[in-house]
């Protein structure tokens, strides 16, 4: 898994979020929903957040959520943060 935090495109950041979920053994209930974060362009210095239900976390059922936060820097790059809570 790549530990890249910065991406050149919004699609790249979302691919990175999905890769992190897979690397952390997170099985999302509806994995395609992560792409809803890319339905509209993201303005400079703006956040987009998504919270996705997890079916299995490290091979165990859970009620936790996979959280994705994408921030577009003034340089045009995208910063990705993900966590399970």
C-alpha atoms as a PDB file:
ATOM      1  CA  UNK A   1       0.000   0.000   0.000  1.00  0.00           C
ATOM      2  CA  UNK A   2       1.173   3.470  -0.792  1.00  0.00           C
ATOM      3  CA  UNK A   3       1.222   5.942   2.074  1.00  0.00           C
ATOM      4  CA  UNK A   4       0.747   8.815  -0.366  1.00  0.00           C
ATOM      5  CA  UNK A   5      -1.247  11.670   1.152  1.00  0.00           C
ATOM      6  CA  UNK A   6      -1.236  14.041  -1.829  1.00  0.00           C
ATOM      7  CA  UNK A   7      -2.746  13.362  -5.233  1.00  0.00           C
ATOM      8  CA  UNK A   8      -2.856  15.266  -8.514  1.00  0.00           C
ATOM      9  CA  UNK A   9      -6.553  14.538  -9.172  1.00  0.00           C
ATOM     10  CA  UNK A  10      -9.753  13.939  -7.246  1.00  0.00           C
ATOM     11  CA  UNK A  11     -10.094  10.515  -8.900  1.00  0.00           C
ATOM     12  CA  UNK A  12      -6.569   9.670  -7.747  1.00  0.00           C
ATOM     13  CA  UNK A  13      -7.460  10.617  -4.172  1.00  0.00           C
ATOM     14  CA  UNK A  14     -10.550   8.402  -4.267  1.00  0.00           C
ATOM     15  CA  UNK A  15      -8.526   5.521  -5.704  1.00  0.00           C
ATOM     16  CA  UNK A  16      -6.094   6.114  -2.834  1.00  0.00           C
ATOM     17  CA  UNK A  17      -8.935   5.940  -0.287  1.00  0.00           C
ATOM     18  CA  UNK A  18     -10.152   2.643  -1.739  1.00  0.00           C
ATOM     19  CA  UNK A  19      -6.595   1.271  -1.724  1.00  0.00           C
ATOM     20  CA  UNK A  20      -6.213   2.246   1.945  1.00  0.00           C
ATOM     21  CA  UNK A  21      -9.496   0.537   2.824  1.00  0.00           C
ATOM     22  CA  UNK A  22      -8.313  -2.643   1.105  1.00  0.00           C
ATOM     23  CA  UNK A  23      -4.889  -2.483   2.771  1.00  0.00           C
ATOM     24  CA  UNK A  24      -6.496  -2.040   6.206  1.00  0.00           C
ATOM     25  CA  UNK A  25      -8.801  -5.023   5.543  1.00  0.00           C
ATOM     26  CA  UNK A  26     -11.920  -2.872   5.476  1.00  0.00           C
ATOM     27  CA  UNK A  27     -14.824  -4.370   3.526  1.00  0.00           C
ATOM     28  CA  UNK A  28     -17.262  -1.574   2.756  1.00  0.00           C
ATOM     29  CA  UNK A  29     -20.976  -2.349   2.639  1.00  0.00           C
ATOM     30  CA  UNK A  30     -21.315  -0.332  -0.611  1.00  0.00           C
ATOM     31  CA  UNK A  31     -17.826   0.283  -2.064  1.00  0.00           C
ATOM     32  CA  UNK A  32     -19.131   2.140  -5.125  1.00  0.00           C
ATOM     33  CA  UNK A  33     -20.525   4.870  -2.843  1.00  0.00           C
ATOM     34  CA  UNK A  34     -16.996   6.219  -2.317  1.00  0.00           C
ATOM     35  CA  UNK A  35     -17.128   7.487  -5.918  1.00  0.00           C
ATOM     36  CA  UNK A  36     -20.037   9.777  -4.943  1.00  0.00           C
ATOM     37  CA  UNK A  37     -17.358  12.097  -3.521  1.00  0.00           C
ATOM     38  CA  UNK A  38     -16.303  12.851  -7.104  1.00  0.00           C
ATOM     39  CA  UNK A  39     -19.712  13.759  -8.518  1.00  0.00           C
ATOM     40  CA  UNK A  40     -18.942  17.476  -8.438  1.00  0.00           C
ATOM     41  CA  UNK A  41     -15.652  19.338  -8.769  1.00  0.00           C
ATOM     42  CA  UNK A  42     -13.950  20.398  -5.567  1.00  0.00           C
ATOM     43  CA  UNK A  43     -13.054  24.100  -5.298  1.00  0.00           C
ATOM     44  CA  UNK A  44      -9.679  25.275  -4.029  1.00  0.00           C
ATOM     45  CA  UNK A  45      -9.287  25.235  -0.229  1.00  0.00           C
ATOM     46  CA  UNK A  46     -12.482  23.219   0.219  1.00  0.00           C
ATOM     47  CA  UNK A  47     -13.165  19.932   2.041  1.00  0.00           C
ATOM     48  CA  UNK A  48     -15.275  16.988   0.999  1.00  0.00           C
ATOM     49  CA  UNK A  49     -16.153  14.361   3.581  1.00  0.00           C
ATOM     50  CA  UNK A  50     -17.710  10.919   3.274  1.00  0.00           C
ATOM     51  CA  UNK A  51     -18.698   8.350   5.881  1.00  0.00           C
ATOM     52  CA  UNK A  52     -19.197   4.795   4.659  1.00  0.00           C
ATOM     53  CA  UNK A  53     -20.638   1.823   6.493  1.00  0.00           C
ATOM     54  CA  UNK A  54     -18.247  -1.092   7.025  1.00  0.00           C
ATOM     55  CA  UNK A  55     -19.438  -4.667   6.666  1.00  0.00           C
ATOM     56  CA  UNK A  56     -16.226  -6.332   7.907  1.00  0.00           C
ATOM     57  CA  UNK A  57     -13.212  -4.778   9.611  1.00  0.00           C
ATOM     58  CA  UNK A  58     -10.174  -7.059   9.837  1.00  0.00           C
ATOM     59  CA  UNK A  59     -12.418 -10.016   8.989  1.00  0.00           C
ATOM     60  CA  UNK A  60     -14.913  -9.303  11.801  1.00  0.00           C
ATOM     61  CA  UNK A  61     -18.414  -7.816  11.615  1.00  0.00           C
ATOM     62  CA  UNK A  62     -18.567  -4.264  12.911  1.00  0.00           C
ATOM     63  CA  UNK A  63     -20.781  -1.187  13.191  1.00  0.00           C
ATOM     64  CA  UNK A  64     -17.905   1.192  12.490  1.00  0.00           C
ATOM     65  CA  UNK A  65     -17.604   3.594   9.574  1.00  0.00           C
ATOM     66  CA  UNK A  66     -14.791   4.314   7.111  1.00  0.00           C
ATOM     67  CA  UNK A  67     -14.306   8.075   7.024  1.00  0.00           C
ATOM     68  CA  UNK A  68     -12.731   9.874   4.068  1.00  0.00           C
ATOM     69  CA  UNK A  69     -11.710  13.537   4.099  1.00  0.00           C
ATOM     70  CA  UNK A  70     -10.370  15.153   0.923  1.00  0.00           C
ATOM     71  CA  UNK A  71      -9.034  18.703   0.937  1.00  0.00           C
ATOM     72  CA  UNK A  72      -8.046  20.593  -2.201  1.00  0.00           C
ATOM     73  CA  UNK A  73      -4.964  22.689  -1.598  1.00  0.00           C
ATOM     74  CA  UNK A  74      -4.444  26.096  -3.197  1.00  0.00           C
ATOM     75  CA  UNK A  75      -1.778  24.415  -5.360  1.00  0.00           C
ATOM     76  CA  UNK A  76      -4.508  22.267  -6.946  1.00  0.00           C
ATOM     77  CA  UNK A  77      -3.358  19.015  -5.357  1.00  0.00           C
ATOM     78  CA  UNK A  78      -5.649  16.914  -3.176  1.00  0.00           C
ATOM     79  CA  UNK A  79      -4.858  15.859   0.375  1.00  0.00           C
ATOM     80  CA  UNK A  80      -6.404  12.579   1.557  1.00  0.00           C
ATOM     81  CA  UNK A  81      -7.087  11.486   5.125  1.00  0.00           C
ATOM     82  CA  UNK A  82      -8.899   8.265   6.036  1.00  0.00           C
ATOM     83  CA  UNK A  83      -9.757   6.641   9.319  1.00  0.00           C
ATOM     84  CA  UNK A  84     -12.046   4.008  10.859  1.00  0.00           C
ATOM     85  CA  UNK A  85     -14.236   4.992  13.763  1.00  0.00           C
END
